[in-house]
């Protein structure tokens, strides 16, 4: 045995390097608060966005009040559902906030400009 090594040299140290899958409590709490914030933004912000869009559409098309109200309501409901989906689809919470707040402010300005 020319190339054999002594048995003591073959022994290697075994370490427990398994990754820890347990999340710490603060990061889990922050994550849950972020999800709650997105839910509240989607519910309340989406509702305000849909409400203002319905008001603006109904005010803009005043010739046929019944059709304008029905169309505005349907479009508002679709917009609310899209806003709810979009808030959870976006990667950053700040982008989701701005994506709801900026159109809401624009619709509010249009609402005030229409004279209502």
PDB file of N, CA and C in Angstrom:
ATOM      1  N   UNK A   1       0.827  -1.166   0.000  1.00  0.00           N
ATOM      2  CA  UNK A   1       0.000   0.000   0.000  1.00  0.00           C
ATOM      3  C   UNK A   1       0.877   1.236   0.000  1.00  0.00           C
ATOM      4  N   UNK A   2       1.113   1.658  -1.135  1.00  0.00           N
ATOM      5  CA  UNK A   2       2.025   2.782  -1.270  1.00  0.00           C
ATOM      6  C   UNK A   2       1.288   4.105  -1.069  1.00  0.00           C
ATOM      7  N   UNK A   3       0.115   4.245  -1.610  1.00  0.00           N
ATOM      8  CA  UNK A   3      -0.617   5.500  -1.546  1.00  0.00           C
ATOM      9  C   UNK A   3      -1.689   5.528  -0.483  1.00  0.00           C
ATOM     10  N   UNK A   4      -1.759   4.643   0.388  1.00  0.00           N
ATOM     11  CA  UNK A   4      -2.810   4.649   1.401  1.00  0.00           C
ATOM     12  C   UNK A   4      -2.431   5.592   2.526  1.00  0.00           C
ATOM     13  N   UNK A   5      -3.443   6.227   3.076  1.00  0.00           N
ATOM     14  CA  UNK A   5      -3.208   7.150   4.173  1.00  0.00           C
ATOM     15  C   UNK A   5      -3.643   6.485   5.467  1.00  0.00           C
ATOM     16  N   UNK A   6      -3.130   6.952   6.557  1.00  0.00           N
ATOM     17  CA  UNK A   6      -3.519   6.359   7.825  1.00  0.00           C
ATOM     18  C   UNK A   6      -4.998   6.635   8.119  1.00  0.00           C
ATOM     19  N   UNK A   7      -5.655   5.779   8.885  1.00  0.00           N
ATOM     20  CA  UNK A   7      -7.095   5.945   9.172  1.00  0.00           C
ATOM     21  C   UNK A   7      -7.426   7.263   9.863  1.00  0.00           C
ATOM     22  N   UNK A   8      -6.500   7.841  10.576  1.00  0.00           N
ATOM     23  CA  UNK A   8      -6.775   9.097  11.260  1.00  0.00           C
ATOM     24  C   UNK A   8      -6.941  10.255  10.280  1.00  0.00           C
ATOM     25  N   UNK A   9      -6.316  10.210   9.118  1.00  0.00           N
ATOM     26  CA  UNK A   9      -6.388  11.291   8.147  1.00  0.00           C
ATOM     27  C   UNK A   9      -7.697  11.273   7.356  1.00  0.00           C
ATOM     28  N   UNK A  10      -8.371  10.151   7.348  1.00  0.00           N
ATOM     29  CA  UNK A  10      -9.607  10.019   6.585  1.00  0.00           C
ATOM     30  C   UNK A  10     -10.799  10.631   7.334  1.00  0.00           C
ATOM     31  N   UNK A  11     -10.696  10.786   8.600  1.00  0.00           N
ATOM     32  CA  UNK A  11     -11.803  11.294   9.411  1.00  0.00           C
ATOM     33  C   UNK A  11     -12.023  12.762   9.075  1.00  0.00           C
ATOM     34  N   UNK A  12     -13.261  13.092   8.759  1.00  0.00           N
ATOM     35  CA  UNK A  12     -13.616  14.484   8.497  1.00  0.00           C
ATOM     36  C   UNK A  12     -14.608  14.948   9.539  1.00  0.00           C
ATOM     37  N   UNK A  13     -14.667  16.216   9.736  1.00  0.00           N
ATOM     38  CA  UNK A  13     -15.595  16.754  10.713  1.00  0.00           C
ATOM     39  C   UNK A  13     -16.963  16.943  10.056  1.00  0.00           C
ATOM     40  N   UNK A  14     -17.979  16.533  10.760  1.00  0.00           N
ATOM     41  CA  UNK A  14     -19.345  16.670  10.284  1.00  0.00           C
ATOM     42  C   UNK A  14     -19.991  17.824  11.042  1.00  0.00           C
ATOM     43  N   UNK A  15     -20.495  18.787  10.293  1.00  0.00           N
ATOM     44  CA  UNK A  15     -21.169  19.916  10.932  1.00  0.00           C
ATOM     45  C   UNK A  15     -22.621  19.934  10.479  1.00  0.00           C
ATOM     46  N   UNK A  16     -23.431  20.418  11.327  1.00  0.00           N
ATOM     47  CA  UNK A  16     -24.852  20.528  11.020  1.00  0.00           C
ATOM     48  C   UNK A  16     -25.073  21.879  10.341  1.00  0.00           C
ATOM     49  N   UNK A  17     -25.061  21.893   9.020  1.00  0.00           N
ATOM     50  CA  UNK A  17     -25.213  23.137   8.273  1.00  0.00           C
ATOM     51  C   UNK A  17     -26.550  23.189   7.551  1.00  0.00           C
ATOM     52  N   UNK A  18     -27.543  22.548   8.092  1.00  0.00           N
ATOM     53  CA  UNK A  18     -28.874  22.584   7.486  1.00  0.00           C
ATOM     54  C   UNK A  18     -29.452  23.981   7.653  1.00  0.00           C
ATOM     55  N   UNK A  19     -30.025  24.532   6.590  1.00  0.00           N
ATOM     56  CA  UNK A  19     -30.573  25.897   6.697  1.00  0.00           C
ATOM     57  C   UNK A  19     -31.810  25.922   7.591  1.00  0.00           C
ATOM     58  N   UNK A  20     -31.898  26.961   8.358  1.00  0.00           N
ATOM     59  CA  UNK A  20     -33.031  27.118   9.262  1.00  0.00           C
ATOM     60  C   UNK A  20     -34.228  27.648   8.487  1.00  0.00           C
ATOM     61  N   UNK A  21     -35.357  26.966   8.578  1.00  0.00           N
ATOM     62  CA  UNK A  21     -36.554  27.373   7.860  1.00  0.00           C
ATOM     63  C   UNK A  21     -37.546  28.096   8.755  1.00  0.00           C
ATOM     64  N   UNK A  22     -37.181  28.317   9.987  1.00  0.00           N
ATOM     65  CA  UNK A  22     -38.065  28.993  10.920  1.00  0.00           C
ATOM     66  C   UNK A  22     -37.836  30.495  10.787  1.00  0.00           C
ATOM     67  N   UNK A  23     -38.906  31.234  10.500  1.00  0.00           N
ATOM     68  CA  UNK A  23     -38.786  32.682  10.374  1.00  0.00           C
ATOM     69  C   UNK A  23     -38.836  33.304  11.755  1.00  0.00           C
ATOM     70  N   UNK A  24     -38.130  34.411  11.872  1.00  0.00           N
ATOM     71  CA  UNK A  24     -38.158  35.100  13.148  1.00  0.00           C
ATOM     72  C   UNK A  24     -39.483  35.842  13.283  1.00  0.00           C
ATOM     73  N   UNK A  25     -39.871  36.111  14.493  1.00  0.00           N
ATOM     74  CA  UNK A  25     -41.169  36.723  14.771  1.00  0.00           C
ATOM     75  C   UNK A  25     -41.309  38.128  14.187  1.00  0.00           C
ATOM     76  N   UNK A  26     -40.301  39.016  14.279  1.00  0.00           N
ATOM     77  CA  UNK A  26     -40.495  40.363  13.724  1.00  0.00           C
ATOM     78  C   UNK A  26     -40.703  40.360  12.212  1.00  0.00           C
ATOM     79  N   UNK A  27     -39.962  39.539  11.484  1.00  0.00           N
ATOM     80  CA  UNK A  27     -40.130  39.551  10.041  1.00  0.00           C
ATOM     81  C   UNK A  27     -41.484  38.966   9.644  1.00  0.00           C
ATOM     82  N   UNK A  28     -41.970  37.998  10.388  1.00  0.00           N
ATOM     83  CA  UNK A  28     -43.283  37.437  10.115  1.00  0.00           C
ATOM     84  C   UNK A  28     -44.375  38.461  10.420  1.00  0.00           C
ATOM     85  N   UNK A  29     -44.213  39.222  11.484  1.00  0.00           N
ATOM     86  CA  UNK A  29     -45.174  40.264  11.828  1.00  0.00           C
ATOM     87  C   UNK A  29     -45.174  41.364  10.779  1.00  0.00           C
ATOM     88  N   UNK A  30     -44.012  41.755  10.309  1.00  0.00           N
ATOM     89  CA  UNK A  30     -43.916  42.780   9.272  1.00  0.00           C
ATOM     90  C   UNK A  30     -44.581  42.296   7.992  1.00  0.00           C
ATOM     91  N   UNK A  31     -44.374  41.057   7.646  1.00  0.00           N
ATOM     92  CA  UNK A  31     -44.994  40.492   6.446  1.00  0.00           C
ATOM     93  C   UNK A  31     -46.520  40.485   6.571  1.00  0.00           C
ATOM     94  N   UNK A  32     -47.024  40.101   7.729  1.00  0.00           N
ATOM     95  CA  UNK A  32     -48.473  40.060   7.926  1.00  0.00           C
ATOM     96  C   UNK A  32     -49.074  41.457   7.917  1.00  0.00           C
ATOM     97  N   UNK A  33     -48.368  42.430   8.484  1.00  0.00           N
ATOM     98  CA  UNK A  33     -48.852  43.808   8.438  1.00  0.00           C
ATOM     99  C   UNK A  33     -48.849  44.351   7.016  1.00  0.00           C
ATOM    100  N   UNK A  34     -47.851  43.968   6.225  1.00  0.00           N
ATOM    101  CA  UNK A  34     -47.796  44.396   4.835  1.00  0.00           C
ATOM    102  C   UNK A  34     -48.968  43.817   4.042  1.00  0.00           C
ATOM    103  N   UNK A  35     -49.294  42.552   4.288  1.00  0.00           N
ATOM    104  CA  UNK A  35     -50.430  41.932   3.616  1.00  0.00           C
ATOM    105  C   UNK A  35     -51.734  42.588   4.066  1.00  0.00           C
ATOM    106  N   UNK A  36     -51.863  42.894   5.351  1.00  0.00           N
ATOM    107  CA  UNK A  36     -53.057  43.588   5.841  1.00  0.00           C
ATOM    108  C   UNK A  36     -53.174  44.974   5.228  1.00  0.00           C
ATOM    109  N   UNK A  37     -52.045  45.681   5.098  1.00  0.00           N
ATOM    110  CA  UNK A  37     -52.057  47.005   4.473  1.00  0.00           C
ATOM    111  C   UNK A  37     -52.510  46.906   3.023  1.00  0.00           C
ATOM    112  N   UNK A  38     -52.003  45.926   2.293  1.00  0.00           N
ATOM    113  CA  UNK A  38     -52.426  45.743   0.903  1.00  0.00           C
ATOM    114  C   UNK A  38     -53.910  45.412   0.821  1.00  0.00           C
ATOM    115  N   UNK A  39     -54.406  44.602   1.736  1.00  0.00           N
ATOM    116  CA  UNK A  39     -55.821  44.267   1.750  1.00  0.00           C
ATOM    117  C   UNK A  39     -56.669  45.509   2.013  1.00  0.00           C
ATOM    118  N   UNK A  40     -56.266  46.315   2.994  1.00  0.00           N
ATOM    119  CA  UNK A  40     -57.002  47.540   3.297  1.00  0.00           C
ATOM    120  C   UNK A  40     -56.923  48.521   2.128  1.00  0.00           C
ATOM    121  N   UNK A  41     -55.765  48.611   1.490  1.00  0.00           N
ATOM    122  CA  UNK A  41     -55.603  49.483   0.329  1.00  0.00           C
ATOM    123  C   UNK A  41     -56.492  49.025  -0.812  1.00  0.00           C
ATOM    124  N   UNK A  42     -56.552  47.725  -1.024  1.00  0.00           N
ATOM    125  CA  UNK A  42     -57.384  47.197  -2.100  1.00  0.00           C
ATOM    126  C   UNK A  42     -58.859  47.420  -1.816  1.00  0.00           C
ATOM    127  N   UNK A  43     -59.285  47.215  -0.576  1.00  0.00           N
ATOM    128  CA  UNK A  43     -60.695  47.378  -0.241  1.00  0.00           C
ATOM    129  C   UNK A  43     -61.107  48.849  -0.230  1.00  0.00           C
ATOM    130  N   UNK A  44     -60.416  49.649   0.557  1.00  0.00           N
ATOM    131  CA  UNK A  44     -60.820  51.046   0.735  1.00  0.00           C
ATOM    132  C   UNK A  44     -60.402  51.897  -0.459  1.00  0.00           C
ATOM    133  N   UNK A  45     -59.139  51.787  -0.857  1.00  0.00           N
ATOM    134  CA  UNK A  45     -58.665  52.575  -1.997  1.00  0.00           C
ATOM    135  C   UNK A  45     -59.349  52.186  -3.293  1.00  0.00           C
ATOM    136  N   UNK A  46     -59.555  50.896  -3.494  1.00  0.00           N
ATOM    137  CA  UNK A  46     -60.267  50.440  -4.681  1.00  0.00           C
ATOM    138  C   UNK A  46     -61.699  50.918  -4.692  1.00  0.00           C
ATOM    139  N   UNK A  47     -62.335  50.938  -3.527  1.00  0.00           N
ATOM    140  CA  UNK A  47     -63.714  51.418  -3.431  1.00  0.00           C
ATOM    141  C   UNK A  47     -63.798  52.902  -3.758  1.00  0.00           C
ATOM    142  N   UNK A  48     -62.890  53.687  -3.201  1.00  0.00           N
ATOM    143  CA  UNK A  48     -62.904  55.131  -3.467  1.00  0.00           C
ATOM    144  C   UNK A  48     -62.622  55.396  -4.943  1.00  0.00           C
ATOM    145  N   UNK A  49     -61.682  54.663  -5.517  1.00  0.00           N
ATOM    146  CA  UNK A  49     -61.368  54.799  -6.939  1.00  0.00           C
ATOM    147  C   UNK A  49     -62.584  54.445  -7.789  1.00  0.00           C
ATOM    148  N   UNK A  50     -63.244  53.362  -7.466  1.00  0.00           N
ATOM    149  CA  UNK A  50     -64.431  52.950  -8.220  1.00  0.00           C
ATOM    150  C   UNK A  50     -65.580  53.937  -8.032  1.00  0.00           C
ATOM    151  N   UNK A  51     -65.756  54.434  -6.820  1.00  0.00           N
ATOM    152  CA  UNK A  51     -66.830  55.387  -6.550  1.00  0.00           C
ATOM    153  C   UNK A  51     -66.629  56.674  -7.338  1.00  0.00           C
ATOM    154  N   UNK A  52     -65.403  57.201  -7.324  1.00  0.00           N
ATOM    155  CA  UNK A  52     -65.134  58.427  -8.061  1.00  0.00           C
ATOM    156  C   UNK A  52     -65.258  58.223  -9.562  1.00  0.00           C
ATOM    157  N   UNK A  53     -64.852  57.058 -10.046  1.00  0.00           N
ATOM    158  CA  UNK A  53     -64.995  56.810 -11.479  1.00  0.00           C
ATOM    159  C   UNK A  53     -66.466  56.729 -11.866  1.00  0.00           C
ATOM    160  N   UNK A  54     -67.297  56.137 -11.037  1.00  0.00           N
ATOM    161  CA  UNK A  54     -68.729  56.068 -11.321  1.00  0.00           C
ATOM    162  C   UNK A  54     -69.354  57.462 -11.317  1.00  0.00           C
ATOM    163  N   UNK A  55     -68.945  58.284 -10.381  1.00  0.00           N
ATOM    164  CA  UNK A  55     -69.480  59.647 -10.315  1.00  0.00           C
ATOM    165  C   UNK A  55     -69.073  60.447 -11.539  1.00  0.00           C
ATOM    166  N   UNK A  56     -67.803  60.366 -11.915  1.00  0.00           N
ATOM    167  CA  UNK A  56     -67.311  61.130 -13.061  1.00  0.00           C
ATOM    168  C   UNK A  56     -67.972  60.654 -14.353  1.00  0.00           C
ATOM    169  N   UNK A  57     -68.086  59.350 -14.535  1.00  0.00           N
ATOM    170  CA  UNK A  57     -68.714  58.830 -15.759  1.00  0.00           C
ATOM    171  C   UNK A  57     -70.185  59.223 -15.819  1.00  0.00           C
ATOM    172  N   UNK A  58     -70.885  59.107 -14.713  1.00  0.00           N
ATOM    173  CA  UNK A  58     -72.306  59.463 -14.692  1.00  0.00           C
ATOM    174  C   UNK A  58     -72.514  60.961 -14.898  1.00  0.00           C
ATOM    175  N   UNK A  59     -71.622  61.792 -14.363  1.00  0.00           N
ATOM    176  CA  UNK A  59     -71.741  63.240 -14.561  1.00  0.00           C
ATOM    177  C   UNK A  59     -71.385  63.653 -15.989  1.00  0.00           C
ATOM    178  N   UNK A  60     -70.441  62.943 -16.577  1.00  0.00           N
ATOM    179  CA  UNK A  60     -69.992  63.314 -17.919  1.00  0.00           C
ATOM    180  C   UNK A  60     -71.055  62.989 -18.973  1.00  0.00           C
ATOM    181  N   UNK A  61     -71.734  61.877 -18.827  1.00  0.00           N
ATOM    182  CA  UNK A  61     -72.773  61.474 -19.773  1.00  0.00           C
ATOM    183  C   UNK A  61     -74.146  61.723 -19.152  1.00  0.00           C
ATOM    184  N   UNK A  62     -74.551  62.980 -19.117  1.00  0.00           N
ATOM    185  CA  UNK A  62     -75.795  63.348 -18.447  1.00  0.00           C
ATOM    186  C   UNK A  62     -77.017  63.279 -19.359  1.00  0.00           C
ATOM    187  N   UNK A  63     -76.822  63.087 -20.654  1.00  0.00           N
ATOM    188  CA  UNK A  63     -77.963  63.109 -21.571  1.00  0.00           C
ATOM    189  C   UNK A  63     -78.960  61.991 -21.246  1.00  0.00           C
ATOM    190  N   UNK A  64     -78.463  60.790 -21.075  1.00  0.00           N
ATOM    191  CA  UNK A  64     -79.319  59.649 -20.753  1.00  0.00           C
ATOM    192  C   UNK A  64     -78.929  59.152 -19.362  1.00  0.00           C
ATOM    193  N   UNK A  65     -79.618  59.656 -18.364  1.00  0.00           N
ATOM    194  CA  UNK A  65     -79.233  59.404 -16.971  1.00  0.00           C
ATOM    195  C   UNK A  65     -79.265  57.923 -16.594  1.00  0.00           C
ATOM    196  N   UNK A  66     -80.262  57.196 -17.050  1.00  0.00           N
ATOM    197  CA  UNK A  66     -80.388  55.782 -16.682  1.00  0.00           C
ATOM    198  C   UNK A  66     -79.257  54.944 -17.232  1.00  0.00           C
ATOM    199  N   UNK A  67     -78.962  55.117 -18.509  1.00  0.00           N
ATOM    200  CA  UNK A  67     -77.865  54.363 -19.124  1.00  0.00           C
ATOM    201  C   UNK A  67     -76.515  54.790 -18.558  1.00  0.00           C
ATOM    202  N   UNK A  68     -76.373  56.074 -18.293  1.00  0.00           N
ATOM    203  CA  UNK A  68     -75.116  56.566 -17.731  1.00  0.00           C
ATOM    204  C   UNK A  68     -74.872  55.992 -16.342  1.00  0.00           C
ATOM    205  N   UNK A  69     -75.910  55.932 -15.527  1.00  0.00           N
ATOM    206  CA  UNK A  69     -75.762  55.389 -14.173  1.00  0.00           C
ATOM    207  C   UNK A  69     -75.450  53.892 -14.208  1.00  0.00           C
ATOM    208  N   UNK A  70     -76.142  53.163 -15.081  1.00  0.00           N
ATOM    209  CA  UNK A  70     -75.899  51.721 -15.183  1.00  0.00           C
ATOM    210  C   UNK A  70     -74.494  51.440 -15.724  1.00  0.00           C
ATOM    211  N   UNK A  71     -74.098  52.151 -16.761  1.00  0.00           N
ATOM    212  CA  UNK A  71     -72.757  51.953 -17.333  1.00  0.00           C
ATOM    213  C   UNK A  71     -71.675  52.342 -16.341  1.00  0.00           C
ATOM    214  N   UNK A  72     -71.883  53.440 -15.638  1.00  0.00           N
ATOM    215  CA  UNK A  72     -70.899  53.889 -14.654  1.00  0.00           C
ATOM    216  C   UNK A  72     -70.750  52.876 -13.526  1.00  0.00           C
ATOM    217  N   UNK A  73     -71.855  52.292 -13.104  1.00  0.00           N
ATOM    218  CA  UNK A  73     -71.810  51.292 -12.037  1.00  0.00           C
ATOM    219  C   UNK A  73     -71.072  50.034 -12.497  1.00  0.00           C
ATOM    220  N   UNK A  74     -71.354  49.584 -13.699  1.00  0.00           N
ATOM    221  CA  UNK A  74     -70.666  48.391 -14.212  1.00  0.00           C
ATOM    222  C   UNK A  74     -69.170  48.629 -14.386  1.00  0.00           C
ATOM    223  N   UNK A  75     -68.809  49.786 -14.921  1.00  0.00           N
ATOM    224  CA  UNK A  75     -67.389  50.107 -15.099  1.00  0.00           C
ATOM    225  C   UNK A  75     -66.703  50.247 -13.746  1.00  0.00           C
ATOM    226  N   UNK A  76     -67.386  50.849 -12.777  1.00  0.00           N
ATOM    227  CA  UNK A  76     -66.811  51.011 -11.439  1.00  0.00           C
ATOM    228  C   UNK A  76     -66.574  49.663 -10.777  1.00  0.00           C
ATOM    229  N   UNK A  77     -67.516  48.743 -10.920  1.00  0.00           N
ATOM    230  CA  UNK A  77     -67.338  47.419 -10.336  1.00  0.00           C
ATOM    231  C   UNK A  77     -66.155  46.701 -10.981  1.00  0.00           C
ATOM    232  N   UNK A  78     -66.021  46.798 -12.292  1.00  0.00           N
ATOM    233  CA  UNK A  78     -64.885  46.197 -12.989  1.00  0.00           C
ATOM    234  C   UNK A  78     -63.573  46.835 -12.549  1.00  0.00           C
ATOM    235  N   UNK A  79     -63.573  48.150 -12.399  1.00  0.00           N
ATOM    236  CA  UNK A  79     -62.363  48.854 -11.957  1.00  0.00           C
ATOM    237  C   UNK A  79     -61.974  48.452 -10.540  1.00  0.00           C
ATOM    238  N   UNK A  80     -62.950  48.269  -9.659  1.00  0.00           N
ATOM    239  CA  UNK A  80     -62.662  47.859  -8.285  1.00  0.00           C
ATOM    240  C   UNK A  80     -62.031  46.465  -8.259  1.00  0.00           C
ATOM    241  N   UNK A  81     -62.568  45.553  -9.045  1.00  0.00           N
ATOM    242  CA  UNK A  81     -62.000  44.202  -9.106  1.00  0.00           C
ATOM    243  C   UNK A  81     -60.583  44.232  -9.673  1.00  0.00           C
ATOM    244  N   UNK A  82     -60.360  45.024 -10.708  1.00  0.00           N
ATOM    245  CA  UNK A  82     -59.011  45.134 -11.289  1.00  0.00           C
ATOM    246  C   UNK A  82     -58.029  45.769 -10.309  1.00  0.00           C
ATOM    247  N   UNK A  83     -58.474  46.781  -9.575  1.00  0.00           N
ATOM    248  CA  UNK A  83     -57.608  47.422  -8.579  1.00  0.00           C
ATOM    249  C   UNK A  83     -57.246  46.437  -7.475  1.00  0.00           C
ATOM    250  N   UNK A  84     -58.215  45.625  -7.053  1.00  0.00           N
ATOM    251  CA  UNK A  84     -57.957  44.641  -6.002  1.00  0.00           C
ATOM    252  C   UNK A  84     -56.907  43.627  -6.456  1.00  0.00           C
ATOM    253  N   UNK A  85     -57.046  43.144  -7.678  1.00  0.00           N
ATOM    254  CA  UNK A  85     -56.067  42.182  -8.207  1.00  0.00           C
ATOM    255  C   UNK A  85     -54.711  42.847  -8.375  1.00  0.00           C
ATOM    256  N   UNK A  86     -54.697  44.077  -8.880  1.00  0.00           N
ATOM    257  CA  UNK A  86     -53.437  44.759  -9.165  1.00  0.00           C
ATOM    258  C   UNK A  86     -52.644  45.053  -7.896  1.00  0.00           C
ATOM    259  N   UNK A  87     -53.317  45.395  -6.812  1.00  0.00           N
ATOM    260  CA  UNK A  87     -52.617  45.704  -5.557  1.00  0.00           C
ATOM    261  C   UNK A  87     -51.800  44.510  -5.076  1.00  0.00           C
ATOM    262  N   UNK A  88     -52.327  43.305  -5.245  1.00  0.00           N
ATOM    263  CA  UNK A  88     -51.591  42.127  -4.799  1.00  0.00           C
ATOM    264  C   UNK A  88     -50.624  41.602  -5.858  1.00  0.00           C
ATOM    265  N   UNK A  89     -50.738  42.070  -7.080  1.00  0.00           N
ATOM    266  CA  UNK A  89     -49.860  41.606  -8.151  1.00  0.00           C
ATOM    267  C   UNK A  89     -48.532  42.378  -8.187  1.00  0.00           C
ATOM    268  N   UNK A  90     -48.539  43.622  -7.731  1.00  0.00           N
ATOM    269  CA  UNK A  90     -47.363  44.477  -7.788  1.00  0.00           C
ATOM    270  C   UNK A  90     -46.340  44.029  -6.746  1.00  0.00           C
ATOM    271  N   UNK A  91     -45.048  44.145  -7.090  1.00  0.00           N
ATOM    272  CA  UNK A  91     -43.984  43.692  -6.193  1.00  0.00           C
ATOM    273  C   UNK A  91     -43.791  44.608  -4.981  1.00  0.00           C
ATOM    274  N   UNK A  92     -43.862  45.907  -5.171  1.00  0.00           N
ATOM    275  CA  UNK A  92     -43.585  46.838  -4.085  1.00  0.00           C
ATOM    276  C   UNK A  92     -44.874  47.459  -3.556  1.00  0.00           C
ATOM    277  N   UNK A  93     -44.935  47.613  -2.259  1.00  0.00           N
ATOM    278  CA  UNK A  93     -46.106  48.178  -1.619  1.00  0.00           C
ATOM    279  C   UNK A  93     -46.258  49.655  -1.961  1.00  0.00           C
ATOM    280  N   UNK A  94     -45.145  50.366  -2.075  1.00  0.00           N
ATOM    281  CA  UNK A  94     -45.226  51.791  -2.416  1.00  0.00           C
ATOM    282  C   UNK A  94     -45.780  51.982  -3.830  1.00  0.00           C
ATOM    283  N   UNK A  95     -45.429  51.112  -4.737  1.00  0.00           N
ATOM    284  CA  UNK A  95     -45.961  51.187  -6.098  1.00  0.00           C
ATOM    285  C   UNK A  95     -47.459  50.909  -6.106  1.00  0.00           C
ATOM    286  N   UNK A  96     -47.905  49.990  -5.283  1.00  0.00           N
ATOM    287  CA  UNK A  96     -49.334  49.704  -5.174  1.00  0.00           C
ATOM    288  C   UNK A  96     -50.081  50.902  -4.590  1.00  0.00           C
ATOM    289  N   UNK A  97     -49.483  51.550  -3.595  1.00  0.00           N
ATOM    290  CA  UNK A  97     -50.113  52.717  -2.983  1.00  0.00           C
ATOM    291  C   UNK A  97     -50.237  53.851  -3.987  1.00  0.00           C
ATOM    292  N   UNK A  98     -49.142  54.130  -4.696  1.00  0.00           N
ATOM    293  CA  UNK A  98     -49.188  55.204  -5.679  1.00  0.00           C
ATOM    294  C   UNK A  98     -50.123  54.872  -6.836  1.00  0.00           C
ATOM    295  N   UNK A  99     -50.221  53.609  -7.180  1.00  0.00           N
ATOM    296  CA  UNK A  99     -51.106  53.195  -8.255  1.00  0.00           C
ATOM    297  C   UNK A  99     -52.573  53.345  -7.928  1.00  0.00           C
ATOM    298  N   UNK A 100     -52.911  53.428  -6.669  1.00  0.00           N
ATOM    299  CA  UNK A 100     -54.296  53.669  -6.264  1.00  0.00           C
ATOM    300  C   UNK A 100     -54.520  55.150  -5.959  1.00  0.00           C
ATOM    301  N   UNK A 101     -53.563  55.781  -5.300  1.00  0.00           N
ATOM    302  CA  UNK A 101     -53.736  57.163  -4.858  1.00  0.00           C
ATOM    303  C   UNK A 101     -53.721  58.146  -6.027  1.00  0.00           C
ATOM    304  N   UNK A 102     -52.798  57.995  -6.966  1.00  0.00           N
ATOM    305  CA  UNK A 102     -52.683  58.951  -8.069  1.00  0.00           C
ATOM    306  C   UNK A 102     -53.932  58.954  -8.961  1.00  0.00           C
ATOM    307  N   UNK A 103     -54.439  57.800  -9.415  1.00  0.00           N
ATOM    308  CA  UNK A 103     -55.684  57.863 -10.190  1.00  0.00           C
ATOM    309  C   UNK A 103     -56.880  58.384  -9.387  1.00  0.00           C
ATOM    310  N   UNK A 104     -56.901  58.101  -8.095  1.00  0.00           N
ATOM    311  CA  UNK A 104     -57.977  58.613  -7.252  1.00  0.00           C
ATOM    312  C   UNK A 104     -57.930  60.134  -7.183  1.00  0.00           C
ATOM    313  N   UNK A 105     -56.735  60.690  -7.015  1.00  0.00           N
ATOM    314  CA  UNK A 105     -56.597  62.150  -6.993  1.00  0.00           C
ATOM    315  C   UNK A 105     -56.961  62.760  -8.338  1.00  0.00           C
ATOM    316  N   UNK A 106     -56.563  62.117  -9.430  1.00  0.00           N
ATOM    317  CA  UNK A 106     -56.915  62.615 -10.759  1.00  0.00           C
ATOM    318  C   UNK A 106     -58.429  62.615 -10.965  1.00  0.00           C
ATOM    319  N   UNK A 107     -59.092  61.563 -10.560  1.00  0.00           N
ATOM    320  CA  UNK A 107     -60.547  61.502 -10.690  1.00  0.00           C
ATOM    321  C   UNK A 107     -61.234  62.531  -9.790  1.00  0.00           C
ATOM    322  N   UNK A 108     -60.663  62.785  -8.620  1.00  0.00           N
ATOM    323  CA  UNK A 108     -61.228  63.793  -7.734  1.00  0.00           C
ATOM    324  C   UNK A 108     -61.102  65.181  -8.347  1.00  0.00           C
ATOM    325  N   UNK A 109     -59.971  65.466  -8.980  1.00  0.00           N
ATOM    326  CA  UNK A 109     -59.774  66.757  -9.648  1.00  0.00           C
ATOM    327  C   UNK A 109     -60.749  66.903 -10.813  1.00  0.00           C
ATOM    328  N   UNK A 110     -60.937  65.836 -11.586  1.00  0.00           N
ATOM    329  CA  UNK A 110     -61.904  65.872 -12.690  1.00  0.00           C
ATOM    330  C   UNK A 110     -63.318  66.078 -12.149  1.00  0.00           C
ATOM    331  N   UNK A 111     -63.636  65.418 -11.039  1.00  0.00           N
ATOM    332  CA  UNK A 111     -64.947  65.575 -10.406  1.00  0.00           C
ATOM    333  C   UNK A 111     -65.190  67.026 -10.002  1.00  0.00           C
ATOM    334  N   UNK A 112     -64.194  67.678  -9.427  1.00  0.00           N
ATOM    335  CA  UNK A 112     -64.339  69.067  -9.024  1.00  0.00           C
ATOM    336  C   UNK A 112     -64.394  69.999 -10.238  1.00  0.00           C
ATOM    337  N   UNK A 113     -63.684  69.646 -11.305  1.00  0.00           N
ATOM    338  CA  UNK A 113     -63.697  70.467 -12.513  1.00  0.00           C
ATOM    339  C   UNK A 113     -65.038  70.381 -13.241  1.00  0.00           C
ATOM    340  N   UNK A 114     -65.740  69.262 -13.126  1.00  0.00           N
ATOM    341  CA  UNK A 114     -67.056  69.124 -13.755  1.00  0.00           C
ATOM    342  C   UNK A 114     -68.117  69.970 -13.057  1.00  0.00           C
ATOM    343  N   UNK A 115     -67.769  70.537 -11.931  1.00  0.00           N
ATOM    344  CA  UNK A 115     -68.698  71.418 -11.243  1.00  0.00           C
ATOM    345  C   UNK A 115     -69.595  70.752 -10.240  1.00  0.00           C
ATOM    346  N   UNK A 116     -69.260  69.585  -9.810  1.00  0.00           N
ATOM    347  CA  UNK A 116     -70.117  68.865  -8.865  1.00  0.00           C
ATOM    348  C   UNK A 116     -69.709  69.145  -7.440  1.00  0.00           C
TER     349      UNK A 116
END
